């Protein structure tokens, strides 16, 4: 093992949290997971609206075609 001594050094350091570093591939996976979750949530909301929609039949004047007043 060698013994090295450095008398002067000019250094620039940047300190970051190792847990916060994201690779582009990992960031892409996170974005895809969030998009999938949002799409599933939207589909569940639409299904719930379809399942709970009241239909008055022909000539119903209480609501329009999308189930709202």
N, C-alpha and C. Protein backbone atom coordinates (compact mmCIF):
# COMPACT_ATOMS: atom_id res chain seq x y z
N UNK A 1 0.84 -1.18 0.00
CA UNK A 1 0.00 0.00 0.00
C UNK A 1 0.89 1.24 0.00
N UNK A 2 0.54 2.21 -0.83
CA UNK A 2 1.36 3.42 -0.96
C UNK A 2 0.82 4.50 -0.05
N UNK A 3 1.68 5.32 0.43
CA UNK A 3 1.33 6.46 1.28
C UNK A 3 1.38 7.70 0.39
N UNK A 4 0.22 8.34 0.18
CA UNK A 4 0.14 9.51 -0.69
C UNK A 4 -0.25 10.71 0.14
N UNK A 5 0.47 11.81 -0.09
CA UNK A 5 0.16 13.06 0.61
C UNK A 5 -0.13 14.14 -0.41
N UNK A 6 -1.25 14.82 -0.21
CA UNK A 6 -1.65 15.92 -1.09
C UNK A 6 -1.63 17.19 -0.26
N UNK A 7 -0.82 18.15 -0.69
CA UNK A 7 -0.68 19.39 0.08
C UNK A 7 -1.75 20.42 -0.28
N UNK A 8 -2.14 20.48 -1.52
CA UNK A 8 -3.17 21.43 -1.94
C UNK A 8 -4.11 20.76 -2.93
N UNK A 9 -5.36 21.13 -2.85
CA UNK A 9 -6.33 20.59 -3.80
C UNK A 9 -7.45 21.61 -4.00
N UNK A 10 -7.87 21.78 -5.23
CA UNK A 10 -9.02 22.62 -5.54
C UNK A 10 -10.16 21.68 -5.94
N UNK A 11 -11.24 21.73 -5.18
CA UNK A 11 -12.31 20.77 -5.39
C UNK A 11 -13.66 21.49 -5.43
N UNK A 12 -14.53 20.94 -6.21
CA UNK A 12 -15.92 21.41 -6.23
C UNK A 12 -16.79 20.20 -5.91
N UNK A 13 -17.61 20.30 -4.88
CA UNK A 13 -18.44 19.17 -4.47
C UNK A 13 -19.90 19.55 -4.48
N UNK A 14 -20.71 18.59 -4.82
CA UNK A 14 -22.15 18.78 -4.76
C UNK A 14 -22.71 17.59 -3.98
N UNK A 15 -23.43 17.88 -2.94
CA UNK A 15 -23.97 16.83 -2.09
C UNK A 15 -25.44 16.62 -2.45
N UNK A 16 -25.80 15.36 -2.69
CA UNK A 16 -27.19 15.02 -2.99
C UNK A 16 -27.60 13.83 -2.14
N UNK A 17 -28.88 13.70 -1.98
CA UNK A 17 -29.42 12.55 -1.28
C UNK A 17 -29.43 11.36 -2.24
N UNK A 18 -28.78 10.30 -1.90
CA UNK A 18 -28.70 9.13 -2.76
C UNK A 18 -30.05 8.51 -3.06
N UNK A 19 -31.03 8.69 -2.18
CA UNK A 19 -32.37 8.14 -2.39
C UNK A 19 -33.16 8.93 -3.43
N UNK A 20 -32.73 10.17 -3.71
CA UNK A 20 -33.52 11.01 -4.60
C UNK A 20 -33.09 10.89 -6.06
N UNK A 21 -32.05 10.15 -6.34
CA UNK A 21 -31.57 10.04 -7.72
C UNK A 21 -32.45 9.09 -8.52
N UNK A 22 -32.92 9.55 -9.64
CA UNK A 22 -33.76 8.73 -10.50
C UNK A 22 -33.09 8.60 -11.86
N UNK A 23 -33.02 7.40 -12.34
CA UNK A 23 -32.54 7.19 -13.70
C UNK A 23 -33.69 7.47 -14.65
N UNK A 24 -33.40 7.79 -15.89
CA UNK A 24 -34.49 8.01 -16.85
C UNK A 24 -35.42 6.80 -16.96
N UNK A 25 -34.86 5.60 -16.89
CA UNK A 25 -35.69 4.40 -16.99
C UNK A 25 -36.63 4.27 -15.79
N UNK A 26 -36.13 4.55 -14.60
CA UNK A 26 -36.97 4.48 -13.41
C UNK A 26 -38.04 5.55 -13.43
N UNK A 27 -37.69 6.75 -13.86
CA UNK A 27 -38.67 7.82 -13.97
C UNK A 27 -39.77 7.45 -14.96
N UNK A 28 -39.40 6.84 -16.07
CA UNK A 28 -40.39 6.40 -17.07
C UNK A 28 -41.33 5.35 -16.48
N UNK A 29 -40.80 4.43 -15.70
CA UNK A 29 -41.64 3.41 -15.06
C UNK A 29 -42.62 4.04 -14.08
N UNK A 30 -42.17 5.05 -13.34
CA UNK A 30 -43.04 5.74 -12.39
C UNK A 30 -44.16 6.46 -13.14
N UNK A 31 -43.80 7.16 -14.21
CA UNK A 31 -44.81 7.89 -15.00
C UNK A 31 -45.84 6.92 -15.58
N UNK A 32 -45.39 5.79 -16.11
CA UNK A 32 -46.32 4.80 -16.67
C UNK A 32 -47.25 4.25 -15.59
N UNK A 33 -46.72 4.01 -14.40
CA UNK A 33 -47.55 3.49 -13.31
C UNK A 33 -48.60 4.51 -12.89
N UNK A 34 -48.23 5.77 -12.83
CA UNK A 34 -49.18 6.82 -12.45
C UNK A 34 -50.25 6.96 -13.53
N UNK A 35 -49.85 6.94 -14.80
CA UNK A 35 -50.83 7.04 -15.88
C UNK A 35 -51.80 5.86 -15.86
N UNK A 36 -51.30 4.67 -15.61
CA UNK A 36 -52.18 3.50 -15.54
C UNK A 36 -53.15 3.61 -14.37
N UNK A 37 -52.67 4.09 -13.23
CA UNK A 37 -53.54 4.26 -12.07
C UNK A 37 -54.62 5.30 -12.34
N UNK A 38 -54.26 6.40 -13.00
CA UNK A 38 -55.25 7.42 -13.33
C UNK A 38 -56.28 6.90 -14.32
N UNK A 39 -55.84 6.14 -15.31
CA UNK A 39 -56.78 5.56 -16.28
C UNK A 39 -57.74 4.59 -15.59
N UNK A 40 -57.23 3.77 -14.68
CA UNK A 40 -58.09 2.83 -13.95
C UNK A 40 -59.08 3.58 -13.07
N UNK A 41 -58.63 4.64 -12.44
CA UNK A 41 -59.52 5.43 -11.60
C UNK A 41 -60.62 6.08 -12.45
N UNK A 42 -60.24 6.60 -13.61
CA UNK A 42 -61.22 7.22 -14.51
C UNK A 42 -62.25 6.19 -14.98
N UNK A 43 -61.78 5.00 -15.35
CA UNK A 43 -62.68 3.95 -15.80
C UNK A 43 -63.63 3.53 -14.68
N UNK A 44 -63.13 3.43 -13.45
CA UNK A 44 -63.98 3.07 -12.32
C UNK A 44 -65.05 4.13 -12.08
N UNK A 45 -64.67 5.39 -12.22
CA UNK A 45 -65.64 6.48 -12.05
C UNK A 45 -66.71 6.41 -13.12
N UNK A 46 -66.30 6.17 -14.37
CA UNK A 46 -67.27 6.07 -15.46
C UNK A 46 -68.20 4.87 -15.27
N UNK A 47 -67.65 3.74 -14.84
CA UNK A 47 -68.47 2.54 -14.60
C UNK A 47 -69.47 2.80 -13.48
N UNK A 48 -69.02 3.46 -12.42
CA UNK A 48 -69.93 3.78 -11.31
C UNK A 48 -71.05 4.68 -11.79
N UNK A 49 -70.74 5.67 -12.63
CA UNK A 49 -71.79 6.55 -13.16
C UNK A 49 -72.78 5.78 -14.03
N UNK A 50 -72.25 4.87 -14.86
CA UNK A 50 -73.16 4.07 -15.70
C UNK A 50 -74.06 3.19 -14.85
N UNK A 51 -73.47 2.60 -13.81
CA UNK A 51 -74.22 1.65 -12.98
C UNK A 51 -75.26 2.33 -12.10
N UNK A 52 -75.07 3.58 -11.76
CA UNK A 52 -75.98 4.26 -10.84
C UNK A 52 -76.87 5.29 -11.54
N UNK A 53 -76.81 5.33 -12.84
CA UNK A 53 -77.59 6.30 -13.59
C UNK A 53 -79.06 5.91 -13.61
N UNK A 54 -79.90 6.87 -13.35
CA UNK A 54 -81.34 6.65 -13.42
C UNK A 54 -81.81 6.99 -14.82
N UNK A 55 -82.61 6.13 -15.37
CA UNK A 55 -83.14 6.37 -16.71
C UNK A 55 -84.65 6.47 -16.61
N UNK A 56 -85.20 7.58 -17.07
CA UNK A 56 -86.64 7.79 -17.01
C UNK A 56 -87.35 7.28 -18.24
N UNK A 57 -86.60 6.76 -19.20
CA UNK A 57 -87.23 6.27 -20.42
C UNK A 57 -87.50 7.40 -21.39
N UNK A 58 -88.26 7.09 -22.41
CA UNK A 58 -88.57 8.08 -23.45
C UNK A 58 -89.42 9.20 -22.87
N UNK A 59 -89.10 10.40 -23.26
CA UNK A 59 -89.90 11.54 -22.85
C UNK A 59 -89.56 12.08 -21.46
N UNK A 60 -88.48 11.62 -20.86
CA UNK A 60 -88.10 12.12 -19.54
C UNK A 60 -87.55 13.53 -19.68
N UNK A 61 -88.14 14.47 -18.99
CA UNK A 61 -87.69 15.85 -19.08
C UNK A 61 -86.86 16.27 -17.87
N UNK A 62 -86.63 15.35 -16.92
CA UNK A 62 -85.95 15.73 -15.69
C UNK A 62 -84.44 15.79 -15.85
N UNK A 63 -83.90 15.12 -16.86
CA UNK A 63 -82.46 15.15 -17.04
C UNK A 63 -82.12 15.01 -18.52
N UNK A 64 -80.89 15.40 -18.87
CA UNK A 64 -80.46 15.27 -20.27
C UNK A 64 -79.83 13.90 -20.50
N UNK A 65 -79.24 13.69 -21.65
CA UNK A 65 -78.71 12.38 -22.04
C UNK A 65 -77.55 11.90 -21.19
N UNK A 66 -76.79 12.80 -20.57
CA UNK A 66 -75.64 12.35 -19.79
C UNK A 66 -75.98 12.11 -18.32
N UNK A 67 -77.25 12.14 -17.97
CA UNK A 67 -77.68 11.84 -16.61
C UNK A 67 -77.74 13.04 -15.70
N UNK A 68 -77.34 14.19 -16.19
CA UNK A 68 -77.35 15.40 -15.36
C UNK A 68 -78.56 16.23 -15.60
N UNK A 69 -78.87 17.15 -14.69
CA UNK A 69 -80.05 18.02 -14.84
C UNK A 69 -79.85 19.04 -15.94
